[in-house]
Amino acid sequence: MSRCLQIAIDGPAASGKTTVARLVAERLGVLYLDTGAMYRALAYAALRTQTDLDNENALVRLCAQHRIRVALDRDAPLGFRIYAGDRELSQSDLEAPEVTAVVSTIAAHPRVREAMVAEQRRIADRGPVVMAGRDIGTVVLPEAQVKIFLTASVRARVERRRAQLEQAGIDVSGHDLAEEIEERDRLDESRASSPLRKADDAVVVDSSSLSVEEVVERTLGAVREAQGDRV
């Protein structure tokens, strides 16, 4: 397999992209990164330091002082380790309701995204990678050989998100989750910097009625096609 293989999996909140991306990376034996975790890590740091979430300059300073860095580790619970400064963050840190409530606000700042994208590209330069996020195929890795835009109905996404949170020990109502997901969709799609949108050459997969394995197989099929059936 070529070391330059890049697979971009984008989609709205709770569409299943991180689960699919991690499984695809495991099948291919390549690195995996959920870029959304980087924005969540900064959101966690901002809340912990009481940084003004609307102050872009303050957030950029925070990003420099508490650098968001990723150590690629397939054996870690997340599939990688993520740090805000010297503090390693757990899944429950990243998935806390207060973090989820503000992450789209933080991700909307252009200079914050610029810093994150630079780090994400440095990771991709290390070798073959599967990246999941909201702007991978359009901004972070626009030359990726495989681009998947994964979507699902709000109902399906609520069910998946609730199951994910329960695994992290977080209890939240379905009604609150639906409102949260719809609001995040609105913010992600309307932000001025790198809004959520499908890349022109992305394969759209609606996973509402598909199993995780079916989505993984469709993604691997796209990889095989891009690689000339060498996968």
Protein backbone atom coordinates (compact mmCIF):
# COMPACT_ATOMS: atom_id res chain seq x y z
CA MET A 1 0.00 0.00 0.00
CA SER A 2 1.27 3.46 -0.84
CA ARG A 3 2.42 5.47 2.16
CA CYS A 4 0.62 8.48 0.73
CA LEU A 5 -2.84 6.95 1.14
CA GLN A 6 -5.21 9.48 2.71
CA ILE A 7 -8.83 8.68 3.53
CA ALA A 8 -11.10 11.57 4.53
CA ILE A 9 -14.37 10.79 6.30
CA ASP A 10 -16.58 13.82 6.89
CA GLY A 11 -20.08 14.25 8.17
CA PRO A 12 -22.33 15.93 10.71
CA ALA A 13 -22.36 15.27 14.44
CA ALA A 14 -23.09 11.66 15.47
CA SER A 15 -23.20 10.36 11.90
CA GLY A 16 -20.88 7.50 12.88
CA LYS A 17 -17.79 8.81 11.13
CA THR A 18 -15.38 8.30 14.02
CA THR A 19 -16.43 4.68 14.56
CA VAL A 20 -16.19 3.94 10.85
CA ALA A 21 -12.88 5.75 10.47
CA ARG A 22 -11.30 3.82 13.32
CA LEU A 23 -12.48 0.45 12.01
CA VAL A 24 -11.32 1.25 8.47
CA ALA A 25 -7.91 2.26 9.82
CA GLU A 26 -7.68 -0.99 11.78
CA ARG A 27 -8.58 -3.07 8.70
CA LEU A 28 -5.96 -1.29 6.62
CA GLY A 29 -3.31 -1.17 9.34
CA VAL A 30 -2.89 2.60 9.08
CA LEU A 31 -3.13 5.51 11.50
CA TYR A 32 -6.44 7.02 12.60
CA LEU A 33 -7.36 10.46 13.88
CA ASP A 34 -10.67 11.97 14.93
CA THR A 35 -9.95 15.66 14.35
CA GLY A 36 -13.06 16.68 16.27
CA ALA A 37 -11.31 15.50 19.43
CA MET A 38 -8.76 18.27 18.94
CA TYR A 39 -11.44 20.94 19.02
CA ARG A 40 -13.01 19.24 22.03
CA ALA A 41 -9.64 19.29 23.79
CA LEU A 42 -9.37 23.03 23.24
CA ALA A 43 -12.96 23.49 24.43
CA TYR A 44 -12.08 21.55 27.59
CA ALA A 45 -9.02 23.74 28.17
CA ALA A 46 -11.03 26.91 27.55
CA LEU A 47 -13.67 25.93 30.08
CA ARG A 48 -11.05 24.88 32.63
CA THR A 49 -9.20 28.21 32.31
CA GLN A 50 -12.42 30.27 32.02
CA THR A 51 -11.30 31.65 28.67
CA ASP A 52 -13.86 33.80 26.82
CA LEU A 53 -15.23 31.50 24.11
CA ASP A 54 -16.03 34.44 21.82
CA ASN A 55 -12.55 35.94 22.08
CA GLU A 56 -10.59 34.52 19.16
CA ASN A 57 -7.30 36.12 20.26
CA ALA A 58 -7.63 34.60 23.73
CA LEU A 59 -8.37 31.17 22.27
CA VAL A 60 -5.37 31.36 19.94
CA ARG A 61 -3.18 32.29 22.93
CA LEU A 62 -4.66 29.39 24.87
CA CYS A 63 -3.90 27.08 21.96
CA ALA A 64 -0.27 28.21 22.06
CA GLN A 65 0.02 27.97 25.86
CA HIS A 66 -1.80 24.62 26.12
CA ARG A 67 -0.83 23.08 22.80
CA ILE A 68 -3.33 20.53 21.56
CA ARG A 69 -1.22 17.60 20.46
CA VAL A 70 -1.93 14.05 19.43
CA ALA A 71 0.17 10.97 20.04
CA LEU A 72 -0.88 8.25 17.65
CA ASP A 73 -1.42 5.08 19.68
CA ARG A 74 -3.67 2.34 18.27
CA ASP A 75 -3.90 0.68 21.70
CA ALA A 76 -5.29 3.77 23.47
CA PRO A 77 -9.05 3.82 24.21
CA LEU A 78 -9.62 6.55 21.61
CA GLY A 79 -7.21 5.05 19.07
CA PHE A 80 -4.78 7.88 19.88
CA ARG A 81 -3.79 9.94 22.90
CA ILE A 82 -4.67 13.62 23.08
CA TYR A 83 -3.22 16.31 25.30
CA ALA A 84 -4.04 19.91 26.19
CA GLY A 85 -0.67 21.13 27.35
CA ASP A 86 0.72 18.46 29.68
CA ARG A 87 -2.70 17.03 30.56
CA GLU A 88 -3.87 13.88 28.80
CA LEU A 89 -7.62 13.96 28.27
CA SER A 90 -9.95 11.00 28.58
CA GLN A 91 -13.00 10.23 26.49
CA SER A 92 -15.24 11.37 29.35
CA ASP A 93 -13.38 14.70 29.44
CA LEU A 94 -13.93 15.19 25.72
CA GLU A 95 -17.54 14.00 25.72
CA ALA A 96 -18.70 16.00 28.76
CA PRO A 97 -21.98 17.86 28.02
CA GLU A 98 -20.44 21.25 28.79
CA VAL A 99 -17.70 20.58 26.24
CA THR A 100 -20.19 19.45 23.61
CA ALA A 101 -22.25 22.60 24.20
CA VAL A 102 -19.40 24.95 23.25
CA VAL A 103 -17.21 23.03 20.80
CA SER A 104 -18.95 24.39 17.68
CA THR A 105 -18.48 27.96 18.96
CA ILE A 106 -14.76 27.39 19.37
CA ALA A 107 -14.43 25.59 16.03
CA ALA A 108 -16.02 28.54 14.23
CA HIS A 109 -13.01 30.83 14.85
CA PRO A 110 -10.87 30.96 11.66
CA ARG A 111 -7.50 31.31 13.41
CA VAL A 112 -8.30 28.42 15.73
CA ARG A 113 -9.10 26.26 12.72
CA GLU A 114 -5.90 27.43 11.02
CA ALA A 115 -3.82 26.19 13.96
CA MET A 116 -5.67 22.88 14.10
CA VAL A 117 -5.45 22.25 10.36
CA ALA A 118 -1.68 22.83 10.41
CA GLU A 119 -1.29 20.18 13.13
CA GLN A 120 -3.61 17.76 11.31
CA ARG A 121 -1.60 18.09 8.11
CA ARG A 122 1.63 17.43 10.02
CA ILE A 123 0.09 14.18 11.25
CA ALA A 124 -0.96 13.21 7.72
CA ASP A 125 2.60 13.80 6.49
CA ARG A 126 3.81 10.94 8.70
CA GLY A 127 2.23 8.25 6.54
CA PRO A 128 -1.08 6.65 5.49
CA VAL A 129 -3.98 7.91 7.56
CA VAL A 130 -7.74 7.82 8.01
CA MET A 131 -9.06 11.14 9.29
CA ALA A 132 -12.57 11.87 10.48
CA GLY A 133 -14.02 15.35 10.85
CA ARG A 134 -16.10 18.01 9.17
CA ASP A 135 -13.64 19.61 6.75
CA ILE A 136 -11.12 16.87 5.99
CA GLY A 137 -11.98 16.37 2.33
CA THR A 138 -12.56 20.06 1.65
CA VAL A 139 -9.81 21.78 3.68
CA VAL A 140 -7.43 19.54 5.63
CA LEU A 141 -6.71 16.88 3.00
CA PRO A 142 -8.23 18.17 -0.25
CA GLU A 143 -6.02 15.80 -2.27
CA ALA A 144 -7.11 12.68 -0.36
CA GLN A 145 -7.56 9.70 -2.66
CA VAL A 146 -10.73 8.60 -0.87
CA LYS A 147 -13.40 10.95 0.43
CA ILE A 148 -16.52 9.75 2.19
CA PHE A 149 -19.34 12.03 3.31
CA LEU A 150 -21.24 10.08 5.94
CA THR A 151 -24.71 11.23 6.93
CA ALA A 152 -27.75 9.87 8.76
CA SER A 153 -31.16 10.99 9.96
CA VAL A 154 -31.40 13.03 13.17
CA ARG A 155 -33.23 10.14 14.84
CA ALA A 156 -30.46 7.67 14.00
CA ARG A 157 -27.81 10.12 15.14
CA VAL A 158 -29.58 10.72 18.46
CA GLU A 159 -29.67 6.98 19.15
CA ARG A 160 -25.99 6.58 18.32
CA ARG A 161 -24.91 9.59 20.32
CA ARG A 162 -26.89 8.44 23.34
CA ALA A 163 -25.29 4.99 23.22
CA GLN A 164 -21.85 6.58 22.90
CA LEU A 165 -22.42 8.82 25.90
CA GLU A 166 -23.76 5.95 27.99
CA GLN A 167 -20.54 4.05 27.31
CA ALA A 168 -18.64 7.07 28.65
CA GLY A 169 -20.85 7.10 31.75
CA ILE A 170 -22.84 10.19 30.73
CA ASP A 171 -26.65 10.20 30.94
CA VAL A 172 -28.63 12.63 28.76
CA SER A 173 -32.20 12.71 27.43
CA GLY A 174 -33.05 11.97 23.81
CA HIS A 175 -34.94 15.28 23.52
CA ASP A 176 -31.91 17.26 24.68
CA LEU A 177 -29.67 15.32 22.30
CA ALA A 178 -31.93 16.05 19.32
CA GLU A 179 -31.86 19.77 20.09
CA GLU A 180 -28.09 19.66 20.56
CA ILE A 181 -27.49 17.84 17.27
CA GLU A 182 -29.77 20.13 15.27
CA GLU A 183 -28.07 23.20 16.75
CA ARG A 184 -24.61 21.80 15.99
CA ASP A 185 -25.68 21.11 12.42
CA ARG A 186 -26.83 24.71 12.08
CA LEU A 187 -23.59 26.10 13.51
CA ASP A 188 -21.33 23.77 11.51
CA GLU A 189 -23.10 24.43 8.22
CA SER A 190 -23.36 28.21 8.66
CA ARG A 191 -19.92 29.11 10.01
CA ALA A 192 -17.84 31.37 7.76
CA SER A 193 -14.61 29.39 8.12
CA SER A 194 -14.57 25.87 6.65
CA PRO A 195 -18.30 25.13 6.93
CA LEU A 196 -19.49 21.55 6.90
CA ARG A 197 -20.11 20.59 3.28
CA LYS A 198 -19.59 17.65 0.98
CA ALA A 199 -16.48 17.70 -1.19
CA ASP A 200 -17.38 17.61 -4.88
CA ASP A 201 -15.60 14.25 -5.32
CA ALA A 202 -16.83 12.63 -2.09
CA VAL A 203 -18.90 9.45 -2.00
CA VAL A 204 -22.09 10.06 -0.01
CA VAL A 205 -23.14 7.26 2.34
CA ASP A 206 -26.43 7.55 4.24
CA SER A 207 -25.96 5.25 7.21
CA SER A 208 -29.45 5.68 8.72
CA SER A 209 -30.44 2.08 7.97
CA LEU A 210 -26.97 0.57 7.56
CA SER A 211 -24.94 -1.34 10.12
CA VAL A 212 -21.47 -0.15 11.02
CA GLU A 213 -20.02 -3.14 9.15
CA GLU A 214 -21.94 -2.22 6.00
CA VAL A 215 -20.60 1.34 6.11
CA VAL A 216 -17.08 0.05 6.70
CA GLU A 217 -17.38 -2.28 3.71
CA ARG A 218 -18.63 0.52 1.46
CA THR A 219 -15.70 2.66 2.55
CA LEU A 220 -13.22 -0.15 1.94
CA GLY A 221 -14.82 -0.64 -1.48
CA ALA A 222 -14.05 3.00 -2.30
CA VAL A 223 -10.47 2.45 -1.10
CA ARG A 224 -10.11 -0.64 -3.28
CA GLU A 225 -11.35 1.28 -6.28
CA ALA A 226 -8.92 4.13 -5.62
CA GLN A 227 -6.04 1.68 -5.09
CA GLY A 228 -6.84 -0.45 -8.13
CA ASP A 229 -8.24 -3.35 -6.04
CA ARG A 230 -4.95 -3.73 -4.15
CA VAL A 231 -6.63 -3.51 -0.72
